[in-house]
Amino acid sequence: MRKTINKNMPKGGCDCYLLDRQVIGVLQLLNEKNSSLTLQVLWAGFQTDYVPIHRRDREIGKSRWTFSKKFKLVLDSMMSFSYFPIRMMSFVGIIFNVLAIILLIDVLVEKFTVGTPIAGWSSLMCVVLISAGLILLMLGILGEYVWRALDAARTRPPFIIDEVTKSGTVTPEDTTAKSEQPVQQ
C-alpha cells in the first residue's frame, strides 16, 4: 500500500487512532463510502505521530478480519486514493503496442530475408497485440477522465482551513500581549 497508494502509510497499518476534534470535523466532511479511514486521516494532512507496538499472536478465538476483507480494503483504498490502476492499464497498453511493433518488424524482416510466408500465427498475433494494446491504452485514457470526474464529484474539500482568525486592525494591546509571551522553539 505504501508503494502504490500513500507513502506515509505506517508499516503494518494502524490498530487505533487518537484524533483531534478538528480532524474529526474534516473526516465528517468527507462522508465517503468504501474508503479507508487510515488513508482519510493521512489525506487530511494534519500532523501525525505513531506509537509502535509489538503485536502478539491471538491466543483465544479466531479473527474475523479475513483475507477477503483485507483484499477489499486494499481495493477500496486503491480506488479511492490512487491513480495506479488506471496508469497501469495505460502502461500495459503501451507495452503491448511496443511488443506488437517488435513482433511485426520481426515478421516482416523474416519475410524479406528468409522468405517465410506471412500466414497464420505470426500475423494473427501482430493484429491481436496491436488491437489489445490500443484498447488498453484507450481504456486508460478514458479511465483518467472518469477518475478526474469522480475526484471533482467527491465531497472532499479542496483545502482544509486550519485556523480562522478575525480580520480587522491590530490594537497595541494585541502586540504587547503577544510580545510578552515567551517564545517556544
N, C-alpha and C. Protein backbone atom coordinates (compact mmCIF):
# COMPACT_ATOMS: atom_id res chain seq x y z
N MET A 1 0.82 -1.19 0.00
CA MET A 1 0.00 0.00 0.00
C MET A 1 0.87 1.26 0.00
N ARG A 2 2.03 1.19 0.65
CA ARG A 2 2.88 2.38 0.69
C ARG A 2 3.46 2.70 -0.69
N LYS A 3 3.67 1.72 -1.54
CA LYS A 3 4.26 1.96 -2.85
C LYS A 3 3.25 2.49 -3.85
N THR A 4 2.01 2.02 -3.80
CA THR A 4 1.05 2.39 -4.83
C THR A 4 -0.01 3.38 -4.38
N ILE A 5 -0.24 3.53 -3.07
CA ILE A 5 -1.35 4.37 -2.63
C ILE A 5 -0.87 5.59 -1.85
N ASN A 6 -0.16 5.39 -0.74
CA ASN A 6 0.27 6.52 0.10
C ASN A 6 1.59 6.15 0.77
N LYS A 7 2.62 6.91 0.48
CA LYS A 7 3.94 6.60 1.04
C LYS A 7 4.02 6.84 2.54
N ASN A 8 3.06 7.59 3.11
CA ASN A 8 3.06 7.88 4.54
C ASN A 8 2.32 6.83 5.37
N MET A 9 1.81 5.81 4.72
CA MET A 9 1.10 4.75 5.43
C MET A 9 2.08 4.04 6.36
N PRO A 10 1.72 3.92 7.64
CA PRO A 10 2.65 3.25 8.56
C PRO A 10 2.81 1.77 8.22
N LYS A 11 4.00 1.27 8.42
CA LYS A 11 4.29 -0.14 8.15
C LYS A 11 3.46 -0.99 9.10
N GLY A 12 2.70 -1.91 8.57
CA GLY A 12 1.84 -2.75 9.39
C GLY A 12 0.47 -2.16 9.64
N GLY A 13 0.20 -0.96 9.13
CA GLY A 13 -1.11 -0.34 9.28
C GLY A 13 -1.32 0.29 10.64
N CYS A 14 -2.57 0.57 10.96
CA CYS A 14 -2.93 1.21 12.24
C CYS A 14 -3.97 0.34 12.94
N ASP A 15 -3.83 0.23 14.24
CA ASP A 15 -4.81 -0.52 15.02
C ASP A 15 -5.82 0.40 15.69
N CYS A 16 -5.39 1.57 16.09
CA CYS A 16 -6.32 2.52 16.71
C CYS A 16 -5.80 3.93 16.48
N TYR A 17 -6.67 4.90 16.72
CA TYR A 17 -6.35 6.30 16.45
C TYR A 17 -6.66 7.14 17.68
N LEU A 18 -5.94 8.21 17.80
CA LEU A 18 -6.26 9.28 18.74
C LEU A 18 -6.34 10.53 17.88
N LEU A 19 -7.57 11.03 17.69
CA LEU A 19 -7.78 12.13 16.76
C LEU A 19 -8.21 13.39 17.49
N ASP A 20 -7.74 14.50 16.99
CA ASP A 20 -8.14 15.81 17.49
C ASP A 20 -9.56 16.10 16.97
N ARG A 21 -10.29 16.95 17.66
CA ARG A 21 -11.65 17.30 17.26
C ARG A 21 -11.65 17.93 15.86
N GLN A 22 -10.61 18.69 15.53
CA GLN A 22 -10.51 19.32 14.22
C GLN A 22 -10.40 18.27 13.11
N VAL A 23 -9.64 17.20 13.35
CA VAL A 23 -9.51 16.12 12.36
C VAL A 23 -10.85 15.40 12.20
N ILE A 24 -11.55 15.18 13.29
CA ILE A 24 -12.86 14.52 13.23
C ILE A 24 -13.82 15.36 12.40
N GLY A 25 -13.76 16.69 12.57
CA GLY A 25 -14.61 17.58 11.77
C GLY A 25 -14.33 17.44 10.28
N VAL A 26 -13.06 17.33 9.91
CA VAL A 26 -12.71 17.16 8.50
C VAL A 26 -13.18 15.80 7.99
N LEU A 27 -13.02 14.76 8.80
CA LEU A 27 -13.46 13.42 8.39
C LEU A 27 -14.98 13.38 8.20
N GLN A 28 -15.71 14.12 9.00
CA GLN A 28 -17.17 14.17 8.83
C GLN A 28 -17.55 14.87 7.53
N LEU A 29 -16.73 15.80 7.07
CA LEU A 29 -16.99 16.46 5.79
C LEU A 29 -16.83 15.50 4.61
N LEU A 30 -15.94 14.52 4.75
CA LEU A 30 -15.64 13.63 3.62
C LEU A 30 -16.84 12.75 3.26
N ASN A 31 -17.45 12.08 4.23
CA ASN A 31 -18.64 11.28 4.00
C ASN A 31 -18.49 10.33 2.81
N GLU A 32 -17.42 9.56 2.79
CA GLU A 32 -17.15 8.65 1.67
C GLU A 32 -17.55 7.23 2.00
N LYS A 33 -18.01 6.54 1.01
CA LYS A 33 -18.34 5.13 1.15
C LYS A 33 -17.17 4.30 0.59
N ASN A 34 -17.00 3.11 1.10
CA ASN A 34 -15.97 2.19 0.61
C ASN A 34 -14.59 2.83 0.56
N SER A 35 -14.16 3.36 1.68
CA SER A 35 -12.87 4.00 1.74
C SER A 35 -12.14 3.51 2.99
N SER A 36 -10.92 3.97 3.15
CA SER A 36 -10.09 3.57 4.28
C SER A 36 -9.97 4.74 5.25
N LEU A 37 -10.33 4.53 6.49
CA LEU A 37 -10.24 5.58 7.49
C LEU A 37 -8.79 6.02 7.68
N THR A 38 -7.88 5.08 7.69
CA THR A 38 -6.46 5.43 7.86
C THR A 38 -6.00 6.37 6.76
N LEU A 39 -6.35 6.07 5.52
CA LEU A 39 -5.93 6.91 4.40
C LEU A 39 -6.65 8.25 4.42
N GLN A 40 -7.89 8.28 4.91
CA GLN A 40 -8.59 9.56 5.03
C GLN A 40 -7.88 10.45 6.05
N VAL A 41 -7.45 9.86 7.16
CA VAL A 41 -6.73 10.63 8.18
C VAL A 41 -5.41 11.14 7.59
N LEU A 42 -4.69 10.30 6.88
CA LEU A 42 -3.43 10.72 6.27
C LEU A 42 -3.66 11.77 5.18
N TRP A 43 -4.75 11.62 4.42
CA TRP A 43 -5.07 12.57 3.36
C TRP A 43 -5.33 13.96 3.93
N ALA A 44 -5.95 14.03 5.10
CA ALA A 44 -6.29 15.32 5.70
C ALA A 44 -5.05 16.17 5.93
N GLY A 45 -3.90 15.56 6.11
CA GLY A 45 -2.65 16.30 6.16
C GLY A 45 -2.29 16.90 7.50
N PHE A 46 -3.00 16.55 8.54
CA PHE A 46 -2.64 17.06 9.86
C PHE A 46 -1.38 16.36 10.35
N GLN A 47 -0.75 16.96 11.33
CA GLN A 47 0.47 16.38 11.89
C GLN A 47 0.13 15.04 12.54
N THR A 48 0.90 14.04 12.22
CA THR A 48 0.66 12.70 12.77
C THR A 48 1.91 12.21 13.49
N ASP A 49 1.69 11.29 14.38
CA ASP A 49 2.79 10.64 15.06
C ASP A 49 2.35 9.20 15.30
N TYR A 50 3.29 8.31 15.41
CA TYR A 50 2.99 6.89 15.55
C TYR A 50 3.59 6.35 16.84
N VAL A 51 2.87 5.47 17.47
CA VAL A 51 3.37 4.78 18.65
C VAL A 51 3.53 3.32 18.24
N PRO A 52 4.77 2.87 18.06
CA PRO A 52 4.97 1.48 17.63
C PRO A 52 4.59 0.50 18.75
N ILE A 53 3.97 -0.57 18.37
CA ILE A 53 3.60 -1.62 19.33
C ILE A 53 4.05 -2.96 18.79
N HIS A 54 4.20 -3.90 19.69
CA HIS A 54 4.51 -5.27 19.29
C HIS A 54 3.21 -6.07 19.38
N ARG A 55 2.74 -6.54 18.25
CA ARG A 55 1.50 -7.32 18.23
C ARG A 55 1.80 -8.76 18.62
N ARG A 56 1.07 -9.23 19.58
CA ARG A 56 1.23 -10.63 19.96
C ARG A 56 0.23 -11.47 19.18
N ASP A 57 0.54 -12.75 19.07
CA ASP A 57 -0.37 -13.66 18.39
C ASP A 57 -1.65 -13.82 19.20
N ARG A 58 -2.74 -14.03 18.48
CA ARG A 58 -4.03 -14.25 19.12
C ARG A 58 -3.99 -15.57 19.87
N GLU A 59 -4.40 -15.53 21.13
CA GLU A 59 -4.39 -16.74 21.95
C GLU A 59 -5.74 -17.44 21.98
N ILE A 60 -6.81 -16.67 21.90
CA ILE A 60 -8.16 -17.24 22.01
C ILE A 60 -9.00 -16.77 20.83
N GLY A 61 -9.77 -17.67 20.26
CA GLY A 61 -10.70 -17.31 19.21
C GLY A 61 -10.04 -17.19 17.85
N LYS A 62 -10.87 -16.82 16.88
CA LYS A 62 -10.41 -16.69 15.50
C LYS A 62 -10.76 -15.30 15.00
N SER A 63 -9.86 -14.68 14.30
CA SER A 63 -10.08 -13.34 13.80
C SER A 63 -11.16 -13.32 12.73
N ARG A 64 -11.98 -12.28 12.75
CA ARG A 64 -12.98 -12.10 11.69
C ARG A 64 -12.42 -11.23 10.57
N TRP A 65 -11.19 -10.80 10.69
CA TRP A 65 -10.51 -10.00 9.68
C TRP A 65 -9.92 -10.95 8.65
N THR A 66 -10.78 -11.43 7.73
CA THR A 66 -10.41 -12.47 6.78
C THR A 66 -9.61 -11.90 5.61
N PHE A 67 -9.07 -12.80 4.82
CA PHE A 67 -8.31 -12.39 3.64
C PHE A 67 -9.18 -11.60 2.68
N SER A 68 -10.44 -12.01 2.48
CA SER A 68 -11.31 -11.30 1.55
C SER A 68 -11.60 -9.88 2.04
N LYS A 69 -11.73 -9.67 3.34
CA LYS A 69 -11.94 -8.32 3.88
C LYS A 69 -10.69 -7.46 3.71
N LYS A 70 -9.53 -8.06 3.91
CA LYS A 70 -8.27 -7.33 3.71
C LYS A 70 -8.11 -6.96 2.24
N PHE A 71 -8.44 -7.88 1.36
CA PHE A 71 -8.33 -7.64 -0.08
C PHE A 71 -9.28 -6.52 -0.50
N LYS A 72 -10.51 -6.54 0.04
CA LYS A 72 -11.48 -5.48 -0.26
C LYS A 72 -10.97 -4.13 0.22
N LEU A 73 -10.35 -4.08 1.40
CA LEU A 73 -9.79 -2.83 1.91
C LEU A 73 -8.71 -2.29 0.99
N VAL A 74 -7.84 -3.17 0.51
CA VAL A 74 -6.77 -2.73 -0.40
C VAL A 74 -7.37 -2.20 -1.70
N LEU A 75 -8.36 -2.91 -2.26
CA LEU A 75 -9.00 -2.45 -3.49
C LEU A 75 -9.73 -1.12 -3.28
N ASP A 76 -10.49 -1.01 -2.20
CA ASP A 76 -11.19 0.24 -1.91
C ASP A 76 -10.21 1.39 -1.72
N SER A 77 -9.12 1.13 -1.02
CA SER A 77 -8.10 2.16 -0.80
C SER A 77 -7.47 2.58 -2.11
N MET A 78 -7.18 1.61 -2.96
CA MET A 78 -6.56 1.91 -4.24
C MET A 78 -7.51 2.70 -5.13
N MET A 79 -8.79 2.33 -5.12
CA MET A 79 -9.77 3.03 -5.96
C MET A 79 -10.06 4.43 -5.45
N SER A 80 -9.90 4.66 -4.15
CA SER A 80 -10.22 5.96 -3.57
C SER A 80 -9.05 6.94 -3.56
N PHE A 81 -7.82 6.44 -3.51
CA PHE A 81 -6.70 7.32 -3.28
C PHE A 81 -5.55 7.16 -4.26
N SER A 82 -5.72 6.42 -5.35
CA SER A 82 -4.58 6.18 -6.21
C SER A 82 -4.96 6.14 -7.68
N TYR A 83 -4.10 6.74 -8.50
CA TYR A 83 -4.22 6.64 -9.95
C TYR A 83 -3.59 5.34 -10.47
N PHE A 84 -2.96 4.58 -9.61
CA PHE A 84 -2.14 3.44 -10.03
C PHE A 84 -2.86 2.46 -10.97
N PRO A 85 -4.08 1.99 -10.67
CA PRO A 85 -4.71 1.01 -11.58
C PRO A 85 -4.94 1.58 -12.99
N ILE A 86 -5.33 2.84 -13.07
CA ILE A 86 -5.60 3.45 -14.38
C ILE A 86 -4.29 3.61 -15.15
N ARG A 87 -3.29 4.10 -14.47
CA ARG A 87 -2.00 4.30 -15.13
C ARG A 87 -1.35 2.96 -15.50
N MET A 88 -1.58 1.93 -14.68
CA MET A 88 -1.04 0.62 -15.00
C MET A 88 -1.70 0.08 -16.28
N MET A 89 -3.00 0.32 -16.43
CA MET A 89 -3.70 -0.13 -17.63
C MET A 89 -3.13 0.56 -18.87
N SER A 90 -2.88 1.85 -18.79
CA SER A 90 -2.27 2.56 -19.91
C SER A 90 -0.86 2.04 -20.19
N PHE A 91 -0.10 1.78 -19.13
CA PHE A 91 1.26 1.27 -19.29
C PHE A 91 1.26 -0.11 -19.96
N VAL A 92 0.35 -0.99 -19.55
CA VAL A 92 0.25 -2.31 -20.17
C VAL A 92 -0.13 -2.17 -21.65
N GLY A 93 -1.03 -1.23 -21.96
CA GLY A 93 -1.39 -0.98 -23.36
C GLY A 93 -0.19 -0.54 -24.19
N ILE A 94 0.65 0.32 -23.62
CA ILE A 94 1.84 0.78 -24.33
C ILE A 94 2.82 -0.37 -24.52
N ILE A 95 2.98 -1.22 -23.49
CA ILE A 95 3.87 -2.39 -23.59
C ILE A 95 3.37 -3.34 -24.69
N PHE A 96 2.06 -3.58 -24.72
CA PHE A 96 1.50 -4.46 -25.77
C PHE A 96 1.79 -3.87 -27.15
N ASN A 97 1.62 -2.57 -27.31
CA ASN A 97 1.89 -1.95 -28.62
C ASN A 97 3.35 -2.06 -29.00
N VAL A 98 4.26 -1.84 -28.05
CA VAL A 98 5.70 -1.96 -28.34
C VAL A 98 6.03 -3.40 -28.73
N LEU A 99 5.50 -4.37 -27.97
CA LEU A 99 5.74 -5.78 -28.31
C LEU A 99 5.16 -6.12 -29.68
N ALA A 100 3.99 -5.59 -29.99
CA ALA A 100 3.37 -5.87 -31.28
C ALA A 100 4.20 -5.29 -32.42
N ILE A 101 4.73 -4.09 -32.22
CA ILE A 101 5.56 -3.48 -33.27
C ILE A 101 6.86 -4.26 -33.46
N ILE A 102 7.46 -4.69 -32.34
CA ILE A 102 8.68 -5.51 -32.44
C ILE A 102 8.39 -6.82 -33.16
N LEU A 103 7.28 -7.46 -32.80
CA LEU A 103 6.89 -8.72 -33.47
C LEU A 103 6.61 -8.49 -34.95
N LEU A 104 5.92 -7.39 -35.27
CA LEU A 104 5.61 -7.08 -36.66
C LEU A 104 6.88 -6.85 -37.47
N ILE A 105 7.83 -6.11 -36.89
CA ILE A 105 9.11 -5.88 -37.57
C ILE A 105 9.84 -7.20 -37.78
N ASP A 106 9.83 -8.07 -36.75
CA ASP A 106 10.49 -9.38 -36.85
C ASP A 106 9.84 -10.23 -37.94
N VAL A 107 8.53 -10.21 -38.02
CA VAL A 107 7.82 -11.00 -39.05
C VAL A 107 8.16 -10.46 -40.44
N LEU A 108 8.18 -9.14 -40.61
CA LEU A 108 8.49 -8.56 -41.92
C LEU A 108 9.95 -8.81 -42.32
N VAL A 109 10.86 -8.69 -41.36
CA VAL A 109 12.28 -8.97 -41.66
C VAL A 109 12.44 -10.42 -42.08
N GLU A 110 11.78 -11.32 -41.35
CA GLU A 110 11.87 -12.74 -41.72
C GLU A 110 11.25 -13.01 -43.09
N LYS A 111 10.18 -12.31 -43.42
CA LYS A 111 9.52 -12.48 -44.73
C LYS A 111 10.47 -12.07 -45.86
N PHE A 112 11.15 -10.93 -45.68
CA PHE A 112 12.00 -10.42 -46.77
C PHE A 112 13.40 -11.04 -46.79
N THR A 113 13.89 -11.55 -45.67
CA THR A 113 15.23 -12.14 -45.68
C THR A 113 15.20 -13.65 -45.91
N VAL A 114 14.32 -14.34 -45.22
CA VAL A 114 14.27 -15.80 -45.31
C VAL A 114 13.24 -16.25 -46.34
N GLY A 115 12.19 -15.47 -46.51
CA GLY A 115 11.14 -15.83 -47.45
C GLY A 115 9.98 -16.57 -46.80
N THR A 116 9.91 -16.55 -45.47
CA THR A 116 8.81 -17.20 -44.77
C THR A 116 7.52 -16.47 -45.09
N PRO A 117 6.50 -17.21 -45.51
CA PRO A 117 5.23 -16.54 -45.83
C PRO A 117 4.56 -15.99 -44.55
N ILE A 118 3.90 -14.84 -44.69
CA ILE A 118 3.18 -14.23 -43.56
C ILE A 118 1.78 -14.82 -43.55
N ALA A 119 1.65 -15.88 -42.81
CA ALA A 119 0.34 -16.52 -42.69
C ALA A 119 0.27 -17.20 -41.34
N GLY A 120 -0.90 -17.22 -40.75
CA GLY A 120 -1.08 -17.97 -39.51
C GLY A 120 -0.79 -17.19 -38.25
N TRP A 121 -0.07 -17.85 -37.37
CA TRP A 121 0.10 -17.38 -36.00
C TRP A 121 0.75 -16.01 -35.91
N SER A 122 1.81 -15.76 -36.64
CA SER A 122 2.56 -14.50 -36.52
C SER A 122 1.72 -13.30 -36.88
N SER A 123 1.06 -13.35 -38.01
CA SER A 123 0.26 -12.20 -38.43
C SER A 123 -0.94 -12.01 -37.51
N LEU A 124 -1.53 -13.11 -37.06
CA LEU A 124 -2.67 -13.02 -36.14
C LEU A 124 -2.23 -12.41 -34.81
N MET A 125 -1.07 -12.80 -34.29
CA MET A 125 -0.58 -12.25 -33.02
C MET A 125 -0.26 -10.77 -33.15
N CYS A 126 0.27 -10.35 -34.30
CA CYS A 126 0.53 -8.92 -34.51
C CYS A 126 -0.76 -8.13 -34.43
N VAL A 127 -1.79 -8.58 -35.10
CA VAL A 127 -3.08 -7.88 -35.09
C VAL A 127 -3.70 -7.89 -33.69
N VAL A 128 -3.65 -9.04 -33.02
CA VAL A 128 -4.24 -9.15 -31.68
C VAL A 128 -3.51 -8.25 -30.69
N LEU A 129 -2.17 -8.27 -30.71
CA LEU A 129 -1.40 -7.44 -29.78
C LEU A 129 -1.60 -5.95 -30.04
N ILE A 130 -1.60 -5.56 -31.30
CA ILE A 130 -1.83 -4.14 -31.60
C ILE A 130 -3.22 -3.73 -31.16
N SER A 131 -4.23 -4.56 -31.45
CA SER A 131 -5.61 -4.24 -31.05
C SER A 131 -5.75 -4.19 -29.54
N ALA A 132 -5.22 -5.19 -28.84
CA ALA A 132 -5.32 -5.21 -27.38
C ALA A 132 -4.58 -4.03 -26.77
N GLY A 133 -3.42 -3.70 -27.31
CA GLY A 133 -2.66 -2.57 -26.80
C GLY A 133 -3.41 -1.25 -26.98
N LEU A 134 -4.00 -1.07 -28.15
CA LEU A 134 -4.77 0.16 -28.39
C LEU A 134 -6.01 0.23 -27.49
N ILE A 135 -6.68 -0.91 -27.31
CA ILE A 135 -7.86 -0.94 -26.44
C ILE A 135 -7.48 -0.59 -25.00
N LEU A 136 -6.41 -1.20 -24.49
CA LEU A 136 -5.98 -0.90 -23.13
C LEU A 136 -5.52 0.55 -22.98
N LEU A 137 -4.84 1.07 -23.97
CA LEU A 137 -4.41 2.46 -23.92
C LEU A 137 -5.61 3.40 -23.90
N MET A 138 -6.60 3.13 -24.75
CA MET A 138 -7.81 3.96 -24.78
C MET A 138 -8.61 3.83 -23.47
N LEU A 139 -8.66 2.63 -22.91
CA LEU A 139 -9.34 2.46 -21.61
C LEU A 139 -8.61 3.23 -20.52
N GLY A 140 -7.30 3.26 -20.58
CA GLY A 140 -6.53 4.04 -19.61
C GLY A 140 -6.81 5.53 -19.74
N ILE A 141 -6.90 6.01 -20.97
CA ILE A 141 -7.20 7.43 -21.19
C ILE A 141 -8.61 7.75 -20.71
N LEU A 142 -9.58 6.89 -21.04
CA LEU A 142 -10.95 7.08 -20.54
C LEU A 142 -11.00 7.00 -19.02
N GLY A 143 -10.21 6.10 -18.46
CA GLY A 143 -10.16 5.98 -17.00
C GLY A 143 -9.64 7.25 -16.34
N GLU A 144 -8.67 7.91 -16.98
CA GLU A 144 -8.18 9.19 -16.45
C GLU A 144 -9.31 10.22 -16.40
N TYR A 145 -10.12 10.28 -17.46
CA TYR A 145 -11.25 11.21 -17.46
C TYR A 145 -12.26 10.86 -16.39
N VAL A 146 -12.59 9.59 -16.25
CA VAL A 146 -13.55 9.16 -15.24
C VAL A 146 -13.01 9.45 -13.84
N TRP A 147 -11.70 9.18 -13.62
CA TRP A 147 -11.10 9.46 -12.31
C TRP A 147 -11.21 10.94 -11.97
N ARG A 148 -10.92 11.79 -12.93
CA ARG A 148 -10.97 13.22 -12.67
C ARG A 148 -12.41 13.69 -12.42
N ALA A 149 -13.38 13.11 -13.13
CA ALA A 149 -14.78 13.44 -12.87
C ALA A 149 -15.19 12.96 -11.48
N LEU A 150 -14.75 11.76 -11.11
CA LEU A 150 -15.05 11.24 -9.77
C LEU A 150 -14.40 12.11 -8.70
N ASP A 151 -13.17 12.51 -8.94
CA ASP A 151 -12.45 13.35 -7.99
C ASP A 151 -13.16 14.69 -7.79
N ALA A 152 -13.70 15.23 -8.88
CA ALA A 152 -14.43 16.50 -8.79
C ALA A 152 -15.78 16.32 -8.09
N ALA A 153 -16.37 15.13 -8.21
CA ALA A 153 -17.70 14.89 -7.62
C ALA A 153 -17.64 14.48 -6.15
N ARG A 154 -16.45 14.11 -5.67
CA ARG A 154 -16.33 13.71 -4.26
C ARG A 154 -16.61 14.90 -3.36
N THR A 155 -16.95 14.59 -2.13
CA THR A 155 -17.23 15.66 -1.17
C THR A 155 -15.98 16.10 -0.43
N ARG A 156 -14.81 15.68 -0.90
CA ARG A 156 -13.56 16.11 -0.26
C ARG A 156 -13.38 17.61 -0.48
N PRO A 157 -13.10 18.33 0.58
CA PRO A 157 -12.88 19.77 0.39
C PRO A 157 -11.59 20.01 -0.38
N PRO A 158 -11.55 21.04 -1.23
CA PRO A 158 -10.32 21.30 -2.00
C PRO A 158 -9.16 21.75 -1.11
N PHE A 159 -9.47 22.30 0.05
CA PHE A 159 -8.44 22.69 1.00
C PHE A 159 -9.05 22.63 2.39
N ILE A 160 -8.19 22.53 3.40
CA ILE A 160 -8.63 22.44 4.78
C ILE A 160 -8.14 23.67 5.52
N ILE A 161 -9.07 24.36 6.15
CA ILE A 161 -8.74 25.56 6.89
C ILE A 161 -8.30 25.15 8.28
N ASP A 162 -7.07 25.50 8.63
CA ASP A 162 -6.51 25.13 9.91
C ASP A 162 -7.02 26.03 11.03
N GLU A 163 -7.04 27.33 10.76
CA GLU A 163 -7.42 28.27 11.81
C GLU A 163 -8.09 29.48 11.17
N VAL A 164 -9.16 29.96 11.75
CA VAL A 164 -9.85 31.15 11.28
C VAL A 164 -9.55 32.27 12.25
N THR A 165 -9.04 33.35 11.74
CA THR A 165 -8.75 34.50 12.59
C THR A 165 -9.70 35.63 12.23
N LYS A 166 -9.96 36.47 13.19
CA LYS A 166 -10.85 37.59 12.98
C LYS A 166 -10.08 38.67 12.23
N SER A 167 -10.63 39.13 11.11
CA SER A 167 -9.94 40.17 10.35
C SER A 167 -10.23 41.53 10.96
N GLY A 168 -9.33 42.42 10.76
CA GLY A 168 -9.51 43.77 11.30
C GLY A 168 -8.17 44.36 11.65
N THR A 169 -8.22 45.45 12.38
CA THR A 169 -6.98 46.12 12.74
C THR A 169 -6.41 45.52 14.01
N VAL A 170 -5.13 45.59 14.15
CA VAL A 170 -4.44 45.08 15.32
C VAL A 170 -4.26 46.24 16.30
N THR A 171 -4.71 46.04 17.53
CA THR A 171 -4.59 47.08 18.54
C THR A 171 -3.24 46.95 19.25
N PRO A 172 -2.76 48.03 19.88
CA PRO A 172 -1.47 47.96 20.59
C PRO A 172 -1.49 46.92 21.71
N GLU A 173 -2.66 46.67 22.34
CA GLU A 173 -2.72 45.66 23.40
C GLU A 173 -2.40 44.27 22.84
N ASP A 174 -2.86 44.03 21.61
CA ASP A 174 -2.61 42.73 20.99
C ASP A 174 -1.12 42.50 20.76
N THR A 175 -0.41 43.53 20.31
CA THR A 175 1.02 43.35 20.02
C THR A 175 1.83 43.22 21.29
N THR A 176 1.48 43.97 22.34
CA THR A 176 2.24 43.85 23.59
C THR A 176 1.95 42.53 24.28
N ALA A 177 0.72 42.08 24.21
CA ALA A 177 0.38 40.80 24.84
C ALA A 177 1.15 39.67 24.18
N LYS A 178 1.28 39.73 22.86
CA LYS A 178 1.99 38.66 22.16
C LYS A 178 3.48 38.73 22.41
N SER A 179 4.05 39.95 22.51
CA SER A 179 5.48 40.06 22.69
C SER A 179 5.91 39.68 24.11
N GLU A 180 5.00 39.76 25.08
CA GLU A 180 5.35 39.42 26.45
C GLU A 180 5.36 37.90 26.69
N GLN A 181 4.72 37.15 25.81
CA GLN A 181 4.68 35.70 25.97
C GLN A 181 6.02 35.12 25.55
N PRO A 182 6.52 34.13 26.30
CA PRO A 182 7.80 33.51 25.91
C PRO A 182 7.64 32.73 24.60
N VAL A 183 8.65 32.78 23.78
CA VAL A 183 8.63 32.08 22.52
C VAL A 183 9.22 30.69 22.71
N GLN A 184 8.47 29.67 22.27
CA GLN A 184 8.97 28.30 22.38
C GLN A 184 9.50 27.87 21.04
N GLN A 185 10.60 27.18 21.07
CA GLN A 185 11.18 26.70 19.82
C GLN A 185 11.21 25.20 19.80
